[in-house]
């Protein structure tokens, strides 16, 4: 049974995609919708589109540009912002994430969203899911110029919001990001067992994982 030492935590840092929101929207967009629209708009087969996109995805994964809609718009010569609207009906909150957010906010915890999502992606999702009222700050890594995978992100975050890593909980679905936070000194770390509701549970390696947000607040 997962147990959180809530008396030892002042600040809760939360990822968005795959953590509070179902990652199905993003996976479907990047792995299915975008390749098909790339094929349609550039007049190539779906198979050729995937061959052209694969090295671009592999070479930029984990970098700030991977999360940047401006970068992909230039690189692919596609209106990526507009294309993301075409599948926006898939944007969905994970089960009981709002209950969890309300509980930790009401308990007096400092609650801050830290996402690698581009500001345009963040705005799109906030238009469809009411997340903003739960947070003291909504921070995109693009504000700092470093992805969360980078140690520079954590230095910038510390300078910006002056949090104590030893008294902070961070929840994210990406293991390299959790390792980066751990290296910085964030003491309480949780992965997410099932970021994408269509793909099932996954191994979270050395990290304990959230499976049920209601269970996290039982000891709050």
Protein backbone atom coordinates (compact mmCIF):
# COMPACT_ATOMS: atom_id res chain seq x y z
CA UNK A 1 0.00 0.00 0.00
CA UNK A 2 1.45 3.30 -1.10
CA UNK A 3 1.80 5.72 1.80
CA UNK A 4 2.82 9.38 1.61
CA UNK A 5 4.54 11.12 4.54
CA UNK A 6 2.30 14.18 4.20
CA UNK A 7 3.63 15.94 7.36
CA UNK A 8 7.06 16.02 5.67
CA UNK A 9 5.73 17.66 2.50
CA UNK A 10 5.10 21.37 1.97
CA UNK A 11 5.19 21.58 -1.84
CA UNK A 12 3.58 19.26 -4.39
CA UNK A 13 5.02 19.50 -7.91
CA UNK A 14 2.88 17.86 -10.57
CA UNK A 15 3.39 16.99 -14.20
CA UNK A 16 0.41 17.32 -16.54
CA UNK A 17 0.39 14.91 -19.50
CA UNK A 18 0.25 11.30 -18.38
CA UNK A 19 0.07 12.37 -14.74
CA UNK A 20 -3.08 14.47 -14.38
CA UNK A 21 -4.31 14.06 -17.95
CA UNK A 22 -4.64 10.80 -19.87
CA UNK A 23 -1.64 10.42 -22.18
CA UNK A 24 -3.87 8.83 -24.81
CA UNK A 25 -4.49 12.24 -26.38
CA UNK A 26 -0.78 12.95 -26.90
CA UNK A 27 0.12 9.42 -27.97
CA UNK A 28 -2.73 9.33 -30.46
CA UNK A 29 -1.80 12.74 -31.85
CA UNK A 30 1.93 12.12 -32.32
CA UNK A 31 1.81 8.44 -33.30
CA UNK A 32 -1.40 8.28 -35.35
CA UNK A 33 -2.96 11.62 -36.25
CA UNK A 34 0.16 13.62 -37.10
CA UNK A 35 1.71 10.95 -39.36
CA UNK A 36 -1.58 10.63 -41.25
CA UNK A 37 -1.99 14.38 -41.67
CA UNK A 38 1.70 14.66 -42.69
CA UNK A 39 1.03 12.05 -45.37
CA UNK A 40 -2.15 13.81 -46.51
CA UNK A 41 -0.68 17.30 -46.66
CA UNK A 42 2.66 16.31 -48.21
CA UNK A 43 1.20 13.83 -50.69
CA UNK A 44 3.10 10.76 -49.50
CA UNK A 45 2.03 7.36 -48.23
CA UNK A 46 1.44 6.75 -44.52
CA UNK A 47 4.40 4.34 -44.51
CA UNK A 48 6.67 6.97 -46.07
CA UNK A 49 5.44 9.58 -43.58
CA UNK A 50 6.41 7.32 -40.69
CA UNK A 51 9.84 6.66 -42.23
CA UNK A 52 10.46 10.40 -42.53
CA UNK A 53 9.15 11.22 -39.05
CA UNK A 54 10.86 8.42 -37.10
CA UNK A 55 14.43 9.81 -37.16
CA UNK A 56 13.16 13.29 -36.29
CA UNK A 57 11.31 11.92 -33.28
CA UNK A 58 14.25 9.79 -32.15
CA UNK A 59 16.83 12.56 -32.52
CA UNK A 60 14.82 15.13 -30.57
CA UNK A 61 13.26 13.03 -27.80
CA UNK A 62 13.92 14.47 -24.35
CA UNK A 63 15.08 17.84 -25.70
CA UNK A 64 13.15 21.05 -25.22
CA UNK A 65 12.44 21.23 -28.96
CA UNK A 66 10.63 17.88 -28.75
CA UNK A 67 7.89 19.64 -26.78
CA UNK A 68 7.88 22.84 -28.89
CA UNK A 69 5.02 23.34 -31.33
CA UNK A 70 6.93 26.11 -33.12
CA UNK A 71 9.80 23.69 -33.77
CA UNK A 72 7.55 21.01 -35.25
CA UNK A 73 5.61 23.54 -37.31
CA UNK A 74 8.88 24.67 -38.94
CA UNK A 75 10.41 21.21 -39.17
CA UNK A 76 7.39 19.46 -40.69
CA UNK A 77 5.88 22.40 -42.57
CA UNK A 78 2.56 21.66 -40.92
CA UNK A 79 0.11 23.81 -38.90
CA UNK A 80 0.69 21.76 -35.74
CA UNK A 81 -1.44 23.97 -33.45
CA UNK A 82 -4.43 23.61 -35.74
CA UNK A 83 -3.88 19.88 -36.13
CA UNK A 84 -3.89 19.42 -32.36
CA UNK A 85 -7.38 20.94 -32.28
CA UNK A 86 -8.62 18.18 -34.56
CA UNK A 87 -8.21 15.58 -31.80
CA UNK A 88 -8.87 17.83 -28.79
CA UNK A 89 -11.98 15.83 -27.91
CA UNK A 90 -9.59 13.16 -26.57
CA UNK A 91 -8.20 15.45 -23.84
CA UNK A 92 -9.34 13.94 -20.54
CA UNK A 93 -8.57 14.09 -16.84
CA UNK A 94 -7.28 10.92 -15.21
CA UNK A 95 -9.69 9.29 -12.73
CA UNK A 96 -9.94 11.18 -9.42
CA UNK A 97 -7.09 13.57 -10.30
CA UNK A 98 -9.38 16.51 -9.50
CA UNK A 99 -10.31 14.95 -6.14
CA UNK A 100 -6.61 14.62 -5.34
CA UNK A 101 -5.89 18.21 -6.38
CA UNK A 102 -8.73 19.61 -4.30
CA UNK A 103 -7.66 17.61 -1.24
CA UNK A 104 -4.01 18.65 -1.26
CA UNK A 105 -4.95 22.27 -1.95
CA UNK A 106 -7.44 22.24 0.95
CA UNK A 107 -4.79 20.68 3.18
CA UNK A 108 -2.66 23.79 2.72
CA UNK A 109 -0.02 22.27 0.47
CA UNK A 110 1.67 24.47 -2.08
CA UNK A 111 0.61 22.99 -5.43
CA UNK A 112 2.55 23.82 -8.61
CA UNK A 113 2.22 22.45 -12.14
CA UNK A 114 5.51 21.88 -13.95
CA UNK A 115 5.12 20.65 -17.51
CA UNK A 116 7.30 20.27 -20.58
CA UNK A 117 4.24 21.15 -22.66
CA UNK A 118 4.54 24.20 -24.89
CA UNK A 119 2.41 27.13 -23.72
CA UNK A 120 0.04 26.62 -26.67
CA UNK A 121 -0.47 22.97 -25.70
CA UNK A 122 -1.00 23.99 -22.09
CA UNK A 123 -3.61 26.58 -23.08
CA UNK A 124 -5.43 24.09 -25.30
CA UNK A 125 -5.73 21.60 -22.45
CA UNK A 126 -6.73 24.19 -19.85
CA UNK A 127 -9.58 25.25 -22.14
CA UNK A 128 -11.00 21.73 -21.94
CA UNK A 129 -10.09 20.59 -18.42
CA UNK A 130 -10.44 22.90 -15.44
CA UNK A 131 -7.02 22.55 -13.80
CA UNK A 132 -5.81 26.11 -13.27
CA UNK A 133 -7.78 26.91 -10.06
CA UNK A 134 -5.97 24.17 -8.13
CA UNK A 135 -2.48 25.60 -8.70
CA UNK A 136 -0.42 28.43 -7.29
CA UNK A 137 1.62 28.47 -10.52
CA UNK A 138 1.46 26.86 -13.95
CA UNK A 139 5.04 26.57 -15.19
CA UNK A 140 6.14 25.42 -18.65
CA UNK A 141 9.76 24.36 -19.11
CA UNK A 142 9.76 26.69 -22.13
CA UNK A 143 9.59 29.58 -19.64
CA UNK A 144 13.11 28.63 -18.51
CA UNK A 145 14.54 27.36 -21.79
CA UNK A 146 15.34 23.90 -20.38
CA UNK A 147 13.36 20.64 -20.41
CA UNK A 148 12.64 18.95 -17.10
CA UNK A 149 15.15 16.26 -18.05
CA UNK A 150 17.90 18.89 -17.64
CA UNK A 151 19.50 19.88 -14.31
CA UNK A 152 19.26 23.51 -15.44
CA UNK A 153 15.48 23.26 -15.28
CA UNK A 154 15.59 22.41 -11.59
CA UNK A 155 18.03 25.21 -10.82
CA UNK A 156 15.74 27.66 -12.62
CA UNK A 157 12.69 26.32 -10.78
CA UNK A 158 14.43 26.71 -7.41
CA UNK A 159 15.38 30.30 -8.23
CA UNK A 160 11.86 31.06 -9.41
CA UNK A 161 9.64 29.57 -6.69
CA UNK A 162 12.12 29.01 -3.83
CA UNK A 163 10.93 25.55 -2.80
CA UNK A 164 12.67 23.11 -0.46
CA UNK A 165 13.45 19.91 -2.44
CA UNK A 166 13.74 17.92 0.79
CA UNK A 167 10.12 18.79 1.65
CA UNK A 168 8.64 18.37 -1.81
CA UNK A 169 6.68 15.64 -3.58
CA UNK A 170 7.01 15.35 -7.35
CA UNK A 171 4.77 13.13 -9.49
CA UNK A 172 5.62 12.52 -13.17
CA UNK A 173 5.10 9.72 -15.69
CA UNK A 174 8.56 10.02 -17.31
CA UNK A 175 11.35 8.09 -15.58
CA UNK A 176 14.31 10.19 -16.86
CA UNK A 177 12.57 13.29 -15.49
CA UNK A 178 12.06 11.65 -12.11
CA UNK A 179 15.75 10.73 -12.05
CA UNK A 180 16.68 14.32 -12.85
CA UNK A 181 14.52 15.52 -9.95
CA UNK A 182 16.09 12.93 -7.66
CA UNK A 183 19.58 14.09 -8.65
CA UNK A 184 18.55 17.63 -7.73
CA UNK A 185 17.48 16.46 -4.30
CA UNK A 186 13.70 16.17 -4.50
CA UNK A 187 13.02 13.75 -1.66
CA UNK A 188 9.54 12.39 -2.42
CA UNK A 189 9.05 10.95 -5.90
CA UNK A 190 6.24 9.00 -7.52
CA UNK A 191 5.84 7.65 -11.03
CA UNK A 192 2.49 6.91 -12.70
CA UNK A 193 1.54 3.29 -13.28
CA UNK A 194 -0.74 3.85 -16.27
CA UNK A 195 -0.12 7.18 -18.08
CA UNK A 196 -2.13 6.11 -21.16
CA UNK A 197 -5.47 4.46 -20.36
CA UNK A 198 -5.35 2.51 -23.64
CA UNK A 199 -1.92 0.94 -23.05
CA UNK A 200 -2.31 -0.61 -19.60
CA UNK A 201 0.04 -0.62 -16.58
CA UNK A 202 3.80 -0.41 -17.06
CA UNK A 203 6.98 -1.02 -15.09
CA UNK A 204 8.18 2.11 -13.28
CA UNK A 205 11.62 0.68 -12.44
CA UNK A 206 12.99 1.94 -9.12
CA UNK A 207 10.08 4.30 -8.44
CA UNK A 208 6.90 3.66 -6.51
CA UNK A 209 3.90 4.53 -8.63
CA UNK A 210 0.48 6.15 -8.36
CA UNK A 211 -2.32 3.77 -9.27
CA UNK A 212 -5.24 5.42 -7.47
CA UNK A 213 -5.31 9.13 -6.62
CA UNK A 214 -7.91 8.61 -3.90
CA UNK A 215 -5.55 6.23 -2.10
CA UNK A 216 -2.87 8.94 -1.98
CA UNK A 217 -5.01 11.23 0.16
CA UNK A 218 -6.26 8.66 2.68
CA UNK A 219 -3.56 9.74 5.16
CA UNK A 220 -3.69 13.46 4.33
